[in-house]
Amino acid sequence: MPSPLFELRNVVKTYVLGGEPVHALDGISMSVEQGEYLAIMGASGSGKSTLMNIIGCLDLPTVGEYILDGKAVHEYDQDELAGIRNRTIGFIFQQFNLLPQRTALGNVMLPLIYAGMPPDQRRHRAEEVLNMVGLSSRLHHRPSELSGGQQQRVSIARALANHPKLLLADEPTGALDSHTSMDLMNLIDEFVRNGMTVVLVTHDAETAKRARRIINVKDGKIVGEAMNPPAS
C-alpha cells in the first residue's frame, strides 16, 4: 500500500496569549493520499487556518509530527523548508498576493527564478501555465489591469509553475463573485481529475461539496468527517 502524501500525527499548536496557553490545534491526526481532494471546514477561530499553515510548512507543530512525502518536516532546516514551499507545495490565497509592478508573466516567473530555472525555460513554463488557466492573452497585463477572477487565475498559474505535488487553497473564492467562483472551482476540479492533490480550506458548505472528503474542525479538533460521492 503506498504511503500517504502527508500525515499529521497528534499535532498540537499552542500560542501564549496574555500569559495563558491557547491550543489552536489540539491533537490533530489525519492523512491525505496522492491525488486526493480534501476540504477543511470550520468557523473563524476553529483552527483551520493554523492547520493549513502547518500543512503548507509555513509553521511547525508545538507537539506531534508532520510527515510530508515520507519525511518528518521538523528534520528540515529553514532553507530546505523554503525549497519545499517553492517546489513541492503550491499556494492559492484569498487575496491573490500578486506583485503590482510585475505583469502576469512576471508574477508567475517569480517561483521559477527562486528555483534557479534558466530564463528561457522559466518564460516558457510561465506562458504554459498561464495558457492552462486561460490567460494567454493577458501575459503582459499588470494586476491593476486584470479583473479579480483573472488575478486569481494568475495566482493559480504561479502556484502551478513548479509542478507541485500538493495544491493548498485557502478560501480561494472569498474575494470573487459567484460566477467567477464557479469558474475557479471548475478549474480546480480539472486539476484533481489530472491527478493533483488538493487541500481546500473554506467556511462555505457549497464550495466544500466539490471535494471528495470533508473534515470539520472546531476548537482545534477534528469533530467530523464525511465523504462526498464521486463527481459524475
Protein backbone atom coordinates (compact mmCIF):
# COMPACT_ATOMS: atom_id res chain seq x y z
CA MET A 1 0.00 0.00 0.00
CA PRO A 2 1.53 3.38 -0.96
CA SER A 3 2.45 5.87 1.73
CA PRO A 4 0.23 8.95 2.08
CA LEU A 5 1.48 12.19 0.57
CA PHE A 6 1.30 13.70 4.03
CA GLU A 7 0.30 12.71 7.53
CA LEU A 8 -0.25 14.59 10.79
CA ARG A 9 0.22 12.63 13.99
CA ASN A 10 -1.33 14.07 17.17
CA VAL A 11 -0.41 17.63 16.17
CA VAL A 12 -0.76 20.35 18.78
CA LYS A 13 -0.12 24.04 18.12
CA THR A 14 0.00 26.25 21.19
CA TYR A 15 0.24 30.03 21.37
CA VAL A 16 0.62 32.10 24.52
CA LEU A 17 -1.86 34.97 24.75
CA GLY A 18 -1.88 37.20 27.81
CA GLY A 19 0.33 34.72 29.61
CA GLU A 20 -2.11 31.86 29.03
CA PRO A 21 -1.57 28.94 26.62
CA VAL A 22 -4.13 28.65 23.81
CA HIS A 23 -4.36 25.44 21.79
CA ALA A 24 -5.03 26.50 18.19
CA LEU A 25 -4.71 22.81 17.29
CA ASP A 26 -5.38 20.17 19.92
CA GLY A 27 -4.37 16.67 18.85
CA ILE A 28 -4.99 16.62 15.08
CA SER A 29 -4.30 13.33 13.28
CA MET A 30 -5.04 12.86 9.59
CA SER A 31 -3.53 11.62 6.34
CA VAL A 32 -4.01 12.53 2.68
CA GLU A 33 -3.21 10.29 -0.27
CA GLN A 34 -1.67 11.41 -3.55
CA GLY A 35 -4.47 12.61 -5.84
CA GLU A 36 -6.96 13.21 -3.04
CA TYR A 37 -9.29 16.23 -2.90
CA LEU A 38 -9.87 17.30 0.71
CA ALA A 39 -11.87 20.21 2.12
CA ILE A 40 -11.21 21.51 5.63
CA MET A 41 -14.22 23.35 7.07
CA GLY A 42 -14.65 25.36 10.21
CA ALA A 43 -15.82 28.70 11.57
CA SER A 44 -13.49 31.61 12.21
CA GLY A 45 -11.17 30.67 15.08
CA SER A 46 -11.71 26.93 14.63
CA GLY A 47 -8.06 26.25 13.84
CA LYS A 48 -8.44 25.54 10.13
CA SER A 49 -6.04 28.30 9.03
CA THR A 50 -3.44 27.15 11.57
CA LEU A 51 -3.85 23.64 10.21
CA MET A 52 -3.35 24.92 6.67
CA ASN A 53 -0.20 26.79 7.74
CA ILE A 54 1.29 23.60 9.18
CA ILE A 55 0.37 21.52 6.11
CA GLY A 56 1.98 24.24 3.97
CA CYS A 57 5.21 24.27 6.06
CA LEU A 58 4.57 27.91 6.98
CA ASP A 59 4.52 26.91 10.65
CA LEU A 60 5.64 23.93 12.75
CA PRO A 61 3.69 21.95 15.37
CA THR A 62 4.39 22.59 19.05
CA VAL A 63 3.87 18.88 19.68
CA GLY A 64 3.36 15.96 17.30
CA GLU A 65 4.69 15.12 13.86
CA TYR A 66 4.01 16.26 10.33
CA ILE A 67 5.26 13.76 7.74
CA LEU A 68 5.44 15.11 4.18
CA ASP A 69 6.49 12.91 1.29
CA GLY A 70 7.88 10.33 3.71
CA LYS A 71 9.97 12.64 5.89
CA ALA A 72 9.28 14.44 9.18
CA VAL A 73 9.11 18.17 8.46
CA HIS A 74 10.89 19.11 11.71
CA GLU A 75 14.04 17.46 10.31
CA TYR A 76 14.37 20.10 7.58
CA ASP A 77 16.29 23.34 8.09
CA GLN A 78 14.88 26.73 7.03
CA ASP A 79 16.46 26.64 3.56
CA GLU A 80 15.05 23.17 2.94
CA LEU A 81 11.60 24.28 4.12
CA ALA A 82 11.76 27.24 1.74
CA GLY A 83 12.59 24.83 -1.07
CA ILE A 84 9.60 22.64 -0.18
CA ARG A 85 7.28 25.67 -0.20
CA ASN A 86 8.63 26.65 -3.61
CA ARG A 87 8.69 23.26 -5.34
CA THR A 88 6.50 20.71 -3.54
CA ILE A 89 3.59 22.91 -2.47
CA GLY A 90 1.55 25.42 -4.47
CA PHE A 91 -0.43 28.08 -2.59
CA ILE A 92 -3.63 29.87 -3.62
CA PHE A 93 -4.70 32.67 -1.26
CA GLN A 94 -7.93 34.63 -0.98
CA GLN A 95 -6.17 37.95 -1.59
CA PHE A 96 -4.08 36.80 -4.60
CA ASN A 97 -0.78 38.28 -3.23
CA LEU A 98 0.44 39.43 -6.65
CA LEU A 99 3.23 41.99 -7.04
CA PRO A 100 1.55 45.09 -8.53
CA GLN A 101 4.57 46.26 -10.54
CA ARG A 102 5.00 42.91 -12.33
CA THR A 103 2.96 41.61 -15.24
CA ALA A 104 1.06 38.33 -15.09
CA LEU A 105 4.07 36.70 -16.74
CA GLY A 106 6.47 38.30 -14.26
CA ASN A 107 4.43 37.17 -11.26
CA VAL A 108 4.30 33.59 -12.47
CA MET A 109 8.03 33.53 -13.23
CA LEU A 110 8.97 34.50 -9.65
CA PRO A 111 8.95 31.00 -8.10
CA LEU A 112 10.85 29.74 -11.14
CA ILE A 113 13.54 32.36 -10.55
CA TYR A 114 13.83 31.21 -6.91
CA ALA A 115 14.07 27.62 -8.16
CA GLY A 116 17.05 28.57 -10.34
CA MET A 117 15.41 27.79 -13.68
CA PRO A 118 17.19 29.34 -16.70
CA PRO A 119 15.46 32.43 -18.21
CA ASP A 120 14.25 30.82 -21.44
CA GLN A 121 12.84 27.82 -19.62
CA ARG A 122 11.06 29.85 -16.96
CA ARG A 123 9.43 32.12 -19.53
CA HIS A 124 8.24 29.07 -21.47
CA ARG A 125 6.87 27.43 -18.31
CA ALA A 126 5.14 30.64 -17.16
CA GLU A 127 3.48 31.05 -20.55
CA GLU A 128 2.45 27.39 -20.44
CA VAL A 129 0.65 27.62 -17.08
CA LEU A 130 -0.95 30.98 -17.90
CA ASN A 131 -2.33 29.39 -21.04
CA MET A 132 -3.54 26.47 -18.91
CA VAL A 133 -5.67 28.84 -16.81
CA GLY A 134 -6.98 30.72 -19.85
CA LEU A 135 -4.82 33.86 -19.69
CA SER A 136 -2.69 33.55 -22.82
CA SER A 137 -3.97 36.95 -23.98
CA ARG A 138 -3.13 38.67 -20.65
CA LEU A 139 0.55 37.81 -20.25
CA HIS A 140 1.75 41.42 -20.19
CA HIS A 141 -1.05 42.92 -18.09
CA ARG A 142 -0.33 44.07 -14.54
CA PRO A 143 -2.72 43.11 -11.70
CA SER A 144 -4.42 46.53 -11.82
CA GLU A 145 -5.35 45.80 -15.45
CA LEU A 146 -6.97 42.47 -14.60
CA SER A 147 -10.32 41.54 -13.06
CA GLY A 148 -10.47 39.78 -9.70
CA GLY A 149 -11.06 36.45 -11.39
CA GLN A 150 -8.13 36.99 -13.75
CA GLN A 151 -5.87 37.93 -10.82
CA GLN A 152 -6.86 34.74 -9.03
CA ARG A 153 -6.04 32.77 -12.19
CA VAL A 154 -2.59 34.38 -12.24
CA SER A 155 -2.12 33.27 -8.63
CA ILE A 156 -3.17 29.73 -9.61
CA ALA A 157 -0.71 29.73 -12.51
CA ARG A 158 2.02 30.87 -10.12
CA ALA A 159 1.07 28.06 -7.72
CA LEU A 160 1.35 25.51 -10.53
CA ALA A 161 4.59 26.82 -12.02
CA ASN A 162 6.98 24.39 -10.29
CA HIS A 163 4.81 21.26 -10.81
CA PRO A 164 3.84 20.96 -7.12
CA LYS A 165 2.67 17.66 -5.66
CA LEU A 166 0.25 19.46 -3.36
CA LEU A 167 -2.01 22.46 -4.02
CA LEU A 168 -3.28 24.36 -0.96
CA ALA A 169 -6.21 26.74 -1.48
CA ASP A 170 -7.12 29.00 1.45
CA GLU A 171 -10.62 30.47 0.90
CA PRO A 172 -9.79 30.88 -2.82
CA THR A 173 -13.26 32.18 -3.76
CA GLY A 174 -13.61 34.61 -0.84
CA ALA A 175 -12.87 37.73 -2.92
CA LEU A 176 -14.77 36.61 -6.03
CA ASP A 177 -18.37 36.87 -7.25
CA SER A 178 -20.45 33.71 -7.58
CA HIS A 179 -19.95 33.26 -11.33
CA THR A 180 -16.17 33.73 -11.13
CA SER A 181 -16.07 31.44 -8.08
CA MET A 182 -17.76 28.69 -10.08
CA ASP A 183 -15.22 29.08 -12.90
CA LEU A 184 -12.35 28.86 -10.40
CA MET A 185 -13.73 25.75 -8.70
CA ASN A 186 -14.26 24.09 -12.09
CA LEU A 187 -10.58 24.75 -12.80
CA ILE A 188 -9.54 23.15 -9.51
CA ASP A 189 -11.79 20.15 -10.26
CA GLU A 190 -9.87 19.73 -13.51
CA PHE A 191 -6.54 19.69 -11.69
CA VAL A 192 -7.84 16.92 -9.42
CA ARG A 193 -9.03 14.89 -12.39
CA ASN A 194 -5.48 15.16 -13.75
CA GLY A 195 -4.07 13.64 -10.55
CA MET A 196 -3.15 16.65 -8.40
CA THR A 197 -3.60 16.54 -4.62
CA VAL A 198 -5.72 19.49 -3.45
CA VAL A 199 -6.49 20.67 0.09
CA LEU A 200 -9.11 23.39 0.25
CA VAL A 201 -9.84 25.48 3.36
CA THR A 202 -13.31 27.03 3.33
CA HIS A 203 -16.18 28.05 5.56
CA ASP A 204 -18.65 27.58 2.68
CA ALA A 205 -20.53 24.26 2.56
CA GLU A 206 -21.30 24.51 -1.16
CA THR A 207 -17.64 25.01 -2.00
CA ALA A 208 -16.65 22.11 0.27
CA LYS A 209 -19.04 19.79 -1.57
CA ARG A 210 -16.70 19.90 -4.56
CA ALA A 211 -14.14 17.90 -2.56
CA ARG A 212 -14.20 14.11 -2.20
CA ARG A 213 -13.63 14.24 1.57
CA ILE A 214 -14.61 16.92 4.10
CA ILE A 215 -13.05 17.35 7.54
CA ASN A 216 -14.75 19.64 10.07
CA VAL A 217 -12.59 21.44 12.61
CA LYS A 218 -13.82 23.07 15.83
CA ASP A 219 -11.78 24.35 18.78
CA GLY A 220 -8.62 22.90 17.24
CA LYS A 221 -10.02 19.37 16.96
CA ILE A 222 -11.43 17.29 14.12
CA VAL A 223 -15.11 16.92 15.06
CA GLY A 224 -16.45 15.30 11.92
CA GLU A 225 -15.52 13.73 8.61
CA ALA A 226 -17.63 12.89 5.56
CA MET A 227 -17.16 11.51 2.06
CA ASN A 228 -18.89 13.01 -0.96
CA PRO A 229 -19.94 10.80 -3.86
CA PRO A 230 -17.58 10.86 -6.86
CA ALA A 231 -18.31 13.60 -9.38
CA SER A 232 -20.31 12.35 -12.34
